Amino acid sequence: MRATKAKSSFDPNVFFARADRGRAVARYRKNDCIFAQGDPADSIFYIQDGRVKLTVLSRQAKEAVVAMLGTGDFFGEGCLAGQLVRMATATALSECTIMELAKREVIRVLREEPRFSDVFVAHLLSRNIKIEEDLVDQLFNSSEKRLARVLLLLANFGKPGQPKLVIPKVSQETLAEIVGTTRSRVSFFMNRFRKMGFIDYNGLSLEVHSSLLTVVLNE
């Protein structure tokens, strides 16, 4: 409860705008690489606006999407736990405004600013819960349910505030990587969802309706 209250009254954008060191703001276009797997890990990032995906490439050159992030999310925080290199690649899914924060500055702020510490701990706990949910989803749910859940998460269903019914279109290849299935199966389910009135999409955007929840909740 304490972290939730702190988060509602503390704005990282305002806080870091007052900082005079250890930060840099950059804009990225869609598909721009923010950092690559294996790069030195000496900073964390805060998404002021936009969406980012994290992918991991295996030694066999197989790629997997491990996270989809949006406005208000941090990423790259592994450096705070001793990671010397990036364990994943971060790529912009849309036009993004992202603040980069030097590791040493983040450590200082965590020690000296309790409000920021509360927000950051709440973020870490939320990410940990999300990872557990993703694992359960991957192990026990069908690819159709997994796709429905991904679309609802992209639209912010279940998060504080109003969901975004219209979201920037994500390629079916990316959705297939997240869900862990083939592009043809994603295409089949997307067409099925559209025929049932759960979603609407065109070449530019995707509209997700709350009725899609029935796919996730149906046993």
Protein backbone atom coordinates (compact mmCIF):
# COMPACT_ATOMS: atom_id res chain seq x y z
CA MET A 1 0.00 0.00 0.00
CA ARG A 2 2.82 2.38 0.85
CA ALA A 3 4.46 1.87 -2.54
CA THR A 4 1.13 2.37 -4.33
CA LYS A 5 0.46 5.67 -2.59
CA ALA A 6 3.98 6.86 -3.27
CA LYS A 7 3.69 6.00 -6.91
CA SER A 8 0.50 8.02 -7.31
CA SER A 9 2.08 11.15 -5.81
CA PHE A 10 5.60 10.86 -7.21
CA ASP A 11 6.41 11.62 -10.84
CA PRO A 12 9.86 10.35 -11.97
CA ASN A 13 9.74 12.70 -14.98
CA VAL A 14 9.47 15.73 -12.73
CA PHE A 15 12.01 14.39 -10.28
CA PHE A 16 14.72 13.63 -12.83
CA ALA A 17 14.05 16.84 -14.75
CA ARG A 18 15.54 18.61 -11.73
CA ALA A 19 18.65 16.45 -11.75
CA ASP A 20 21.74 18.09 -13.17
CA ARG A 21 23.86 14.98 -13.66
CA GLY A 22 23.74 11.33 -14.60
CA ARG A 23 20.81 11.55 -16.99
CA ALA A 24 20.18 11.96 -20.71
CA VAL A 25 16.95 11.99 -22.71
CA ALA A 26 16.85 10.54 -26.21
CA ARG A 27 14.19 9.96 -28.85
CA TYR A 28 14.00 6.72 -30.80
CA ARG A 29 12.15 5.80 -33.94
CA LYS A 30 10.28 2.54 -34.37
CA ASN A 31 12.68 -0.43 -34.64
CA ASP A 32 15.66 1.57 -33.31
CA CYS A 33 17.99 -0.43 -31.06
CA ILE A 34 18.33 1.13 -27.59
CA PHE A 35 20.95 -1.36 -26.47
CA ALA A 36 22.06 -4.78 -27.66
CA GLN A 37 22.63 -8.06 -25.86
CA GLY A 38 26.26 -8.12 -24.74
CA ASP A 39 26.65 -4.33 -24.51
CA PRO A 40 28.20 -2.92 -21.31
CA ALA A 41 25.56 -2.49 -18.58
CA ASP A 42 26.20 0.77 -16.76
CA SER A 43 22.81 2.54 -16.74
CA ILE A 44 19.07 1.99 -16.47
CA PHE A 45 16.33 3.43 -18.66
CA TYR A 46 12.94 5.00 -17.98
CA ILE A 47 10.28 5.15 -20.70
CA GLN A 48 8.72 8.61 -20.74
CA ASP A 49 6.60 7.78 -23.78
CA GLY A 50 6.32 4.84 -26.16
CA ARG A 51 6.76 1.06 -26.16
CA VAL A 52 9.86 -1.13 -25.98
CA LYS A 53 10.43 -4.86 -26.38
CA LEU A 54 13.21 -6.91 -24.80
CA THR A 55 14.48 -9.91 -26.75
CA VAL A 56 17.06 -12.60 -26.06
CA LEU A 57 19.10 -14.39 -28.72
CA SER A 58 20.33 -17.91 -28.00
CA ARG A 59 23.61 -19.39 -29.20
CA GLN A 60 21.57 -21.25 -31.80
CA ALA A 61 20.36 -17.85 -33.10
CA LYS A 62 16.83 -18.37 -31.80
CA GLU A 63 15.17 -15.14 -30.65
CA ALA A 64 12.54 -14.83 -27.94
CA VAL A 65 10.61 -11.80 -26.70
CA VAL A 66 10.91 -11.70 -22.90
CA ALA A 67 9.11 -8.42 -22.13
CA MET A 68 6.90 -5.74 -23.64
CA LEU A 69 7.23 -2.41 -21.83
CA GLY A 70 5.39 0.89 -21.99
CA THR A 71 5.24 4.42 -20.63
CA GLY A 72 6.32 4.59 -16.99
CA ASP A 73 8.39 1.39 -17.05
CA PHE A 74 12.07 1.02 -16.16
CA PHE A 75 14.39 -1.44 -17.87
CA GLY A 76 18.06 -2.34 -17.83
CA GLU A 77 18.02 -2.50 -14.03
CA GLY A 78 20.11 -5.68 -14.01
CA CYS A 79 23.23 -3.51 -13.78
CA LEU A 80 22.19 -2.63 -10.22
CA ALA A 81 22.46 -6.32 -9.30
CA GLY A 82 25.97 -6.72 -10.70
CA GLN A 83 25.32 -7.52 -14.36
CA LEU A 84 28.29 -6.27 -16.37
CA VAL A 85 26.72 -6.76 -19.81
CA ARG A 86 23.18 -6.58 -21.17
CA MET A 87 21.37 -9.90 -21.05
CA ALA A 88 18.82 -8.82 -23.67
CA THR A 89 18.34 -6.43 -26.58
CA ALA A 90 15.99 -3.47 -26.18
CA THR A 91 14.19 -2.28 -29.31
CA ALA A 92 11.69 0.54 -29.80
CA LEU A 93 8.27 -0.76 -30.86
CA SER A 94 7.07 2.78 -31.56
CA GLU A 95 8.46 6.29 -31.44
CA CYS A 96 9.86 6.60 -27.92
CA THR A 97 11.18 9.19 -25.52
CA ILE A 98 13.50 7.47 -23.08
CA MET A 99 15.59 8.77 -20.20
CA GLU A 100 18.91 7.04 -19.52
CA LEU A 101 20.11 7.17 -15.91
CA ALA A 102 23.69 6.42 -14.93
CA LYS A 103 24.04 3.50 -12.51
CA ARG A 104 25.96 5.54 -9.95
CA GLU A 105 23.29 8.25 -9.96
CA VAL A 106 20.46 5.75 -9.53
CA ILE A 107 22.24 4.17 -6.56
CA ARG A 108 22.68 7.61 -4.99
CA VAL A 109 19.02 8.51 -5.50
CA LEU A 110 17.83 5.18 -4.10
CA ARG A 111 19.79 5.91 -0.92
CA GLU A 112 18.79 9.55 -0.55
CA GLU A 113 15.26 9.78 -1.93
CA PRO A 114 12.71 7.48 -0.20
CA ARG A 115 9.90 8.43 -2.61
CA PHE A 116 11.89 7.25 -5.59
CA SER A 117 12.92 4.10 -3.72
CA ASP A 118 9.24 3.28 -3.13
CA VAL A 119 8.40 3.73 -6.80
CA PHE A 120 11.37 1.67 -7.95
CA VAL A 121 10.69 -1.20 -5.52
CA ALA A 122 7.03 -1.22 -6.63
CA HIS A 123 8.25 -1.48 -10.22
CA LEU A 124 10.54 -4.42 -9.41
CA LEU A 125 7.78 -6.26 -7.55
CA SER A 126 5.35 -5.67 -10.41
CA ARG A 127 7.86 -6.98 -12.95
CA ASN A 128 8.51 -10.06 -10.82
CA ILE A 129 4.77 -10.81 -10.60
CA LYS A 130 4.45 -10.31 -14.37
CA ILE A 131 7.30 -12.78 -15.02
CA GLU A 132 5.59 -15.39 -12.82
CA GLU A 133 2.29 -14.84 -14.61
CA ASP A 134 4.00 -15.17 -18.00
CA LEU A 135 5.57 -18.47 -16.93
CA VAL A 136 2.23 -19.89 -15.75
CA ASP A 137 0.59 -18.64 -18.95
CA GLN A 138 3.24 -20.31 -21.11
CA LEU A 139 3.03 -23.61 -19.22
CA PHE A 140 -0.72 -24.06 -18.87
CA ASN A 141 -2.64 -21.94 -21.39
CA SER A 142 -3.31 -22.49 -25.07
CA SER A 143 -1.71 -20.25 -27.68
CA GLU A 144 -5.12 -18.64 -28.28
CA LYS A 145 -5.42 -17.64 -24.62
CA ARG A 146 -1.81 -16.45 -24.56
CA LEU A 147 -2.43 -14.23 -27.57
CA ALA A 148 -5.60 -12.78 -26.03
CA ARG A 149 -3.70 -12.02 -22.81
CA VAL A 150 -0.88 -10.30 -24.71
CA LEU A 151 -3.35 -8.07 -26.58
CA LEU A 152 -5.11 -7.15 -23.33
CA LEU A 153 -1.78 -6.32 -21.66
CA LEU A 154 -0.80 -4.12 -24.59
CA ALA A 155 -4.06 -2.26 -24.10
CA ASN A 156 -3.32 -1.87 -20.36
CA PHE A 157 -6.34 -3.88 -19.20
CA GLY A 158 -5.90 -4.63 -15.51
CA LYS A 159 -3.58 -1.71 -14.87
CA PRO A 160 -4.50 1.48 -12.96
CA GLY A 161 -6.34 4.03 -15.10
CA GLN A 162 -8.39 3.60 -18.23
CA PRO A 163 -7.27 0.97 -20.76
CA LYS A 164 -6.12 2.13 -24.18
CA LEU A 165 -8.64 0.66 -26.57
CA VAL A 166 -6.60 1.72 -29.61
CA ILE A 167 -2.94 0.75 -29.57
CA PRO A 168 -0.22 1.02 -32.24
CA LYS A 169 -0.26 -2.06 -34.44
CA VAL A 170 2.24 -4.76 -33.50
CA SER A 171 3.42 -7.09 -36.24
CA GLN A 172 2.13 -10.65 -36.21
CA GLU A 173 5.75 -11.84 -36.23
CA THR A 174 6.34 -10.03 -32.92
CA LEU A 175 3.12 -11.38 -31.44
CA ALA A 176 4.14 -14.90 -32.48
CA GLU A 177 7.51 -14.48 -30.74
CA ILE A 178 5.81 -13.35 -27.52
CA VAL A 179 3.15 -16.03 -27.54
CA GLY A 180 5.52 -18.81 -28.55
CA THR A 181 3.71 -19.96 -31.67
CA THR A 182 3.81 -19.47 -35.42
CA ARG A 183 2.78 -16.41 -37.39
CA SER A 184 0.11 -18.45 -39.21
CA ARG A 185 -1.51 -19.39 -35.88
CA VAL A 186 -1.47 -15.75 -34.76
CA SER A 187 -3.09 -14.75 -38.05
CA PHE A 188 -5.77 -17.42 -37.59
CA PHE A 189 -6.60 -16.28 -34.04
CA MET A 190 -6.53 -12.57 -34.96
CA ASN A 191 -9.04 -13.17 -37.75
CA ARG A 192 -11.16 -15.21 -35.36
CA PHE A 193 -11.08 -12.48 -32.69
CA ARG A 194 -12.08 -9.90 -35.30
CA LYS A 195 -15.00 -11.98 -36.58
CA MET A 196 -16.24 -12.39 -33.01
CA GLY A 197 -16.05 -8.63 -32.42
CA PHE A 198 -13.25 -8.82 -29.83
CA ILE A 199 -10.82 -6.67 -31.85
CA ASP A 200 -10.68 -4.39 -34.88
CA TYR A 201 -7.49 -3.68 -36.75
CA ASN A 202 -6.16 -2.10 -39.92
CA GLY A 203 -2.74 -1.27 -41.26
CA LEU A 204 -2.06 1.39 -38.63
CA SER A 205 -3.71 0.51 -35.34
CA LEU A 206 -5.37 -2.21 -33.32
CA GLU A 207 -8.52 -1.76 -31.25
CA VAL A 208 -8.96 -4.16 -28.34
CA HIS A 209 -12.37 -4.56 -26.71
CA SER A 210 -12.98 -5.70 -23.13
CA SER A 211 -15.00 -8.62 -24.51
CA LEU A 212 -11.66 -10.26 -25.37
CA LEU A 213 -11.44 -11.06 -21.66
CA THR A 214 -13.90 -13.89 -22.26
CA VAL A 215 -11.20 -15.78 -24.15
CA VAL A 216 -8.82 -15.54 -21.18
CA LEU A 217 -11.47 -16.36 -18.57
CA ASN A 218 -13.08 -19.21 -20.46
CA GLU A 219 -12.08 -22.62 -19.10
